[in-house]
Every structure is written in structure tokens, then in C-alpha cells.
Amino acid sequence: MATLAATLQTARLRLRPINESDADALFTLHSNTKIMRYWDSPPLE
């Protein structure tokens, strides 16, 4: 089943649905202890 989601864009920001090509970047963010300090789960290892 396909899910439709809007992309919101301004001059400085674009919010779009997450897709498979985002996996490496998301893993990098979720592995960073400085970023995950403000999240509700520990960093990935």
C-alpha cells in the first residue's frame, strides 16, 4: 500500500518523507553521542 505524504519547503528547509537512501545518514546521526544526548534513547553502536 502506498502512503502519500506532502513535502514542505521553505527557502531554508525541506521536510520530506524518509526513504531508504536516508539510512546511512540516519545511522550516523543516531550513532552520535552529542546528538543523542537530547533524544529519548541511547546512541546506536
Protein backbone atom coordinates (compact mmCIF):
# COMPACT_ATOMS: atom_id res chain seq x y z
CA MET A 1 0.00 0.00 0.00
CA ALA A 2 1.42 3.36 -1.00
CA THR A 3 1.39 6.17 1.51
CA LEU A 4 1.06 9.71 0.25
CA ALA A 5 2.95 12.37 2.17
CA ALA A 6 3.49 16.01 1.40
CA THR A 7 6.84 17.72 1.07
CA LEU A 8 7.00 21.07 2.80
CA GLN A 9 9.63 23.51 1.58
CA THR A 10 10.80 26.97 2.53
CA ALA A 11 13.86 28.93 1.45
CA ARG A 12 15.97 27.23 4.17
CA LEU A 13 14.24 23.93 4.93
CA ARG A 14 12.70 20.96 3.14
CA LEU A 15 10.69 18.36 5.06
CA ARG A 16 10.00 15.19 3.10
CA PRO A 17 9.17 11.58 3.84
CA ILE A 18 12.11 9.39 4.87
CA ASN A 19 13.21 6.84 2.29
CA GLU A 20 15.75 4.02 2.07
CA SER A 21 18.50 6.27 0.73
CA ASP A 22 18.45 8.12 4.08
CA ALA A 23 19.57 5.04 6.05
CA ASP A 24 23.31 5.85 6.22
CA ALA A 25 22.73 9.47 7.25
CA LEU A 26 20.18 8.46 9.90
CA PHE A 27 22.53 5.83 11.30
CA THR A 28 25.30 8.45 11.50
CA LEU A 29 23.03 10.85 13.38
CA HIS A 30 21.69 8.19 15.74
CA SER A 31 25.23 7.00 16.49
CA ASN A 32 26.44 10.45 17.54
CA THR A 33 26.52 10.78 21.35
CA LYS A 34 26.35 14.58 21.19
CA ILE A 35 23.12 14.46 19.18
CA MET A 36 21.53 11.55 21.02
CA ARG A 37 22.11 13.33 24.33
CA TYR A 38 18.83 15.17 23.60
CA TRP A 39 16.95 12.10 22.32
CA ASP A 40 14.94 9.58 24.35
CA SER A 41 17.16 6.56 23.58
CA PRO A 42 20.88 5.79 23.76
CA PRO A 43 23.13 6.11 20.68
CA LEU A 44 23.34 3.19 18.27
CA GLU A 45 26.55 1.22 18.17
